Protein backbone atom coordinates (compact mmCIF):
# COMPACT_ATOMS: atom_id res chain seq x y z
CA MET A 1 -0.09 -6.84 8.26
CA SER A 2 -3.29 -5.67 9.88
CA GLY A 3 -3.31 -5.59 13.66
CA ASP A 4 -6.47 -7.72 13.52
CA TYR A 5 -4.47 -10.87 12.67
CA SER A 6 -1.29 -12.54 13.85
CA VAL A 7 0.40 -15.38 11.95
CA ARG A 8 2.77 -17.63 13.87
CA ALA A 9 3.61 -21.18 14.90
CA VAL A 10 1.20 -23.16 17.07
CA GLN A 11 2.04 -22.71 20.75
CA SER A 12 -0.50 -24.75 22.71
CA ARG A 13 -2.74 -27.80 22.80
CA SER A 14 -5.83 -25.57 22.83
CA GLU A 15 -4.71 -24.03 19.52
CA LEU A 16 -4.40 -27.52 18.03
CA GLU A 17 -7.94 -28.25 19.27
CA GLN A 18 -9.14 -25.10 17.47
CA VAL A 19 -7.36 -26.31 14.29
CA LEU A 20 -9.36 -29.56 14.50
CA ALA A 21 -12.64 -27.69 15.01
CA LEU A 22 -11.95 -25.53 11.93
CA GLN A 23 -10.99 -28.63 9.95
CA ARG A 24 -14.25 -30.40 10.85
CA ARG A 25 -16.30 -27.45 9.57
CA ASN A 26 -14.55 -27.58 6.18
CA LEU A 27 -14.36 -31.30 5.43
CA LYS A 28 -15.57 -32.38 2.00
CA GLN A 29 -18.07 -34.72 3.67
CA VAL A 30 -19.95 -31.91 5.43
CA LEU A 31 -20.12 -29.30 2.66
CA ALA A 32 -22.72 -28.93 -0.08
CA PRO A 33 -21.39 -29.44 -3.64
CA GLU A 34 -21.88 -25.77 -4.60
CA GLU A 35 -19.99 -24.58 -1.51
CA MET A 36 -17.14 -26.98 -2.29
CA ARG A 37 -16.90 -25.61 -5.83
CA SER A 38 -16.96 -21.96 -4.80
CA GLN A 39 -15.16 -22.05 -1.45
CA GLY A 40 -12.90 -25.12 -1.53
CA PHE A 41 -12.68 -27.92 1.01
CA VAL A 42 -10.31 -30.15 2.98
CA THR A 43 -10.16 -33.90 2.52
CA VAL A 44 -8.23 -35.54 5.39
CA ALA A 45 -9.49 -35.53 9.00
CA HIS A 46 -6.83 -35.62 11.73
CA ASP A 47 -7.08 -36.32 15.46
CA LEU A 48 -5.40 -34.54 18.37
CA PRO A 49 -2.65 -37.14 19.03
CA THR A 50 -1.65 -36.99 15.36
CA LEU A 51 -1.49 -33.18 15.34
CA GLU A 52 0.52 -33.23 18.59
CA ALA A 53 3.02 -35.69 17.06
CA MET A 54 3.31 -33.55 13.91
CA HIS A 55 3.73 -30.42 16.03
CA ALA A 56 6.58 -32.06 17.99
CA LEU A 57 8.50 -32.57 14.71
CA ALA A 58 7.76 -29.14 13.23
CA PRO A 59 5.11 -26.72 14.53
CA SER A 60 2.37 -25.84 12.08
CA ILE A 61 1.46 -22.26 11.26
CA ILE A 62 -1.80 -20.64 12.33
CA ALA A 63 -3.49 -17.27 11.86
CA LEU A 64 -5.28 -15.82 14.85
CA HIS A 65 -7.95 -13.17 15.09
CA GLY A 66 -7.57 -12.19 18.70
CA SER A 67 -7.18 -15.57 20.41
CA GLU A 68 -9.30 -17.47 17.85
CA VAL A 69 -7.56 -19.71 15.31
CA VAL A 70 -9.09 -18.68 11.97
CA ALA A 71 -6.64 -20.38 9.58
CA TYR A 72 -3.96 -23.03 9.61
CA ALA A 73 -1.31 -24.63 7.41
CA LEU A 74 -0.06 -28.01 8.66
CA VAL A 75 3.63 -28.96 8.43
CA MET A 76 4.34 -32.62 7.62
CA PRO A 77 8.03 -33.55 7.43
CA ARG A 78 8.72 -36.98 5.94
CA GLU A 79 8.88 -38.42 9.47
CA CYS A 80 5.11 -37.80 9.67
CA ARG A 81 4.22 -40.22 6.88
CA ALA A 82 3.40 -43.06 9.28
CA LEU A 83 1.10 -40.81 11.33
CA VAL A 84 -1.47 -40.39 8.54
CA PRO A 85 -1.55 -43.73 6.66
CA VAL A 86 -3.97 -42.41 4.02
CA LEU A 87 -1.16 -40.10 2.85
CA GLU A 88 1.47 -42.85 2.45
CA PRO A 89 0.76 -43.23 -1.31
CA MET A 90 1.34 -39.48 -1.73
CA PHE A 91 4.73 -39.64 0.00
CA ALA A 92 5.70 -42.70 -2.06
CA LEU A 93 4.71 -40.93 -5.29
CA ILE A 94 6.59 -37.74 -4.41
CA GLU A 95 9.75 -39.73 -3.77
CA ARG A 96 9.54 -41.19 -7.31
CA LEU A 97 9.36 -37.74 -8.94
CA ASP A 98 12.26 -35.62 -10.20
CA PHE A 99 12.58 -31.86 -9.88
CA LYS A 100 15.31 -29.87 -11.65
CA GLY A 101 16.85 -33.11 -12.85
CA ARG A 102 17.22 -34.62 -9.37
CA PRO A 103 15.02 -37.14 -7.56
CA LEU A 104 12.86 -35.41 -4.95
CA LYS A 105 13.73 -38.16 -2.47
CA ASP A 106 17.28 -36.72 -2.46
CA GLN A 107 16.08 -33.16 -1.82
CA ARG A 108 15.11 -31.42 1.42
CA PHE A 109 11.31 -31.16 1.24
CA TYR A 110 8.31 -31.39 3.49
CA VAL A 111 4.64 -31.78 2.70
CA MET A 112 2.02 -29.14 3.41
CA GLY A 113 -0.42 -31.36 5.25
CA GLN A 114 -3.45 -29.11 4.76
CA VAL A 115 -4.41 -25.45 4.49
CA CYS A 116 -7.74 -24.08 5.69
CA ILE A 117 -9.16 -20.62 6.30
CA ASP A 118 -12.40 -19.96 8.14
CA LYS A 119 -15.14 -18.76 5.79
CA ALA A 120 -15.56 -15.44 7.61
CA HIS A 121 -11.86 -14.60 7.17
CA ARG A 122 -11.27 -15.46 3.51
CA GLY A 123 -10.07 -12.76 1.14
CA MET A 124 -7.89 -11.13 3.82
CA GLY A 125 -4.51 -12.37 2.53
CA LEU A 126 -4.22 -15.09 5.16
CA PHE A 127 -3.46 -17.91 2.69
CA ASP A 128 -0.38 -16.10 1.37
CA SER A 129 0.68 -15.05 4.86
CA LEU A 130 0.48 -18.62 6.17
CA TYR A 131 2.72 -19.88 3.38
CA HIS A 132 5.21 -17.03 3.71
CA GLN A 133 5.45 -17.68 7.45
CA HIS A 134 6.22 -21.32 6.54
CA ARG A 135 9.04 -20.11 4.31
CA GLU A 136 10.44 -17.82 7.01
CA GLN A 137 10.23 -20.50 9.69
CA LEU A 138 11.47 -23.50 7.68
CA ARG A 139 13.75 -22.34 4.85
CA ASN A 140 16.88 -23.27 6.82
CA ARG A 141 15.69 -26.90 7.10
CA PHE A 142 13.99 -27.36 3.71
CA ASP A 143 14.49 -26.33 0.07
CA CYS A 144 10.88 -26.66 -0.98
CA VAL A 145 7.36 -27.51 0.15
CA ILE A 146 5.13 -29.92 -1.74
CA THR A 147 1.43 -30.67 -1.52
CA GLU A 148 -1.40 -32.22 -3.46
CA VAL A 149 -4.53 -30.36 -4.47
CA SER A 150 -7.63 -31.86 -6.02
CA VAL A 151 -7.91 -30.63 -9.60
CA HIS A 152 -11.58 -29.99 -8.75
CA ASN A 153 -10.59 -27.59 -5.95
CA THR A 154 -9.94 -24.72 -8.36
CA ARG A 155 -9.95 -22.06 -5.63
CA SER A 156 -7.08 -23.82 -3.87
CA LEU A 157 -5.14 -24.45 -7.09
CA ARG A 158 -5.32 -20.77 -8.03
CA ALA A 159 -4.24 -19.70 -4.55
CA HIS A 160 -1.23 -22.05 -4.60
CA GLU A 161 -0.17 -20.75 -8.02
CA ARG A 162 -0.43 -17.17 -6.75
CA VAL A 163 1.99 -17.94 -3.90
CA GLY A 164 4.53 -19.49 -6.29
CA PHE A 165 3.68 -23.18 -6.52
CA GLN A 166 4.02 -24.99 -9.83
CA THR A 167 2.38 -28.26 -10.85
CA VAL A 168 5.01 -30.99 -11.21
CA HIS A 169 2.72 -34.00 -11.69
CA THR A 170 -0.98 -34.87 -12.08
CA TYR A 171 -2.52 -38.30 -11.47
CA PRO A 172 -5.87 -39.96 -10.71
CA ASP A 173 -6.62 -42.31 -7.82
CA VAL A 174 -9.81 -43.95 -6.58
CA THR A 175 -10.95 -40.77 -4.79
CA ASP A 176 -10.04 -37.91 -7.17
CA THR A 177 -7.53 -36.50 -9.65
CA TRP A 178 -4.64 -34.76 -7.94
CA ALA A 179 -2.13 -32.06 -8.88
CA VAL A 180 1.22 -32.40 -7.10
CA VAL A 181 2.41 -28.82 -6.62
CA LEU A 182 5.80 -27.58 -5.41
CA TRP A 183 7.07 -24.22 -4.18
CA ASP A 184 10.80 -23.97 -4.85
CA TRP A 185 12.33 -21.64 -2.28
CA ALA A 186 15.43 -21.15 -4.42
CA GLU A 187 13.25 -19.25 -6.91
CA PRO A 188 12.89 -15.48 -6.42
CA THR A 189 9.66 -14.50 -4.66
CA GLY A 190 9.54 -10.81 -5.54
CA ARG A 191 6.50 -11.29 -7.76
CA VAL A 192 4.33 -12.22 -4.77
CA ALA A 193 3.11 -9.32 -2.66
CA ILE A 194 1.86 -10.22 0.80
CA HIS A 195 -0.60 -8.02 2.57
CA LEU A 196 -3.46 -8.41 4.98
CA ARG A 197 -6.48 -6.21 5.16
């Protein structure tokens, strides 16, 4: 990894505040349609008490350039479902799905709450590094990580597939059409090379 970046768990309230600032700059509501298509977007807005509660259960992963948070990947164990009510239908759906012939509700999973990389730092390998730091930090507690990606967010879908995610379900709701994607940590990961420029 380049000495310009460090990827690790959140360690302070000020880092969570920087996560929120980065999130606000990349919300679907504030981006032009062309930028959303080419660069991706985030959908859910959090607040500081919610992020602090999530962090207390399992710290999220951030990438720093110096002391500036330039990317994040939020960890949401099932205990977080009540903290972000808009995501309750997603948790309920996931628990009705099967994977490898077993109900997901009986497996050790958590939800990737959101991934975002600052525009000036995209293309540096940070997306892959965030996810691989998740795997290193959480593989003893969880067997897989699951998230939803808008089927219209093609940049994000491609990036998740590159890391090792597979689509296990697709469905529409009133806001969008969603792909439920899962990264099975029991699968070999040798095909994914991680590097930062």
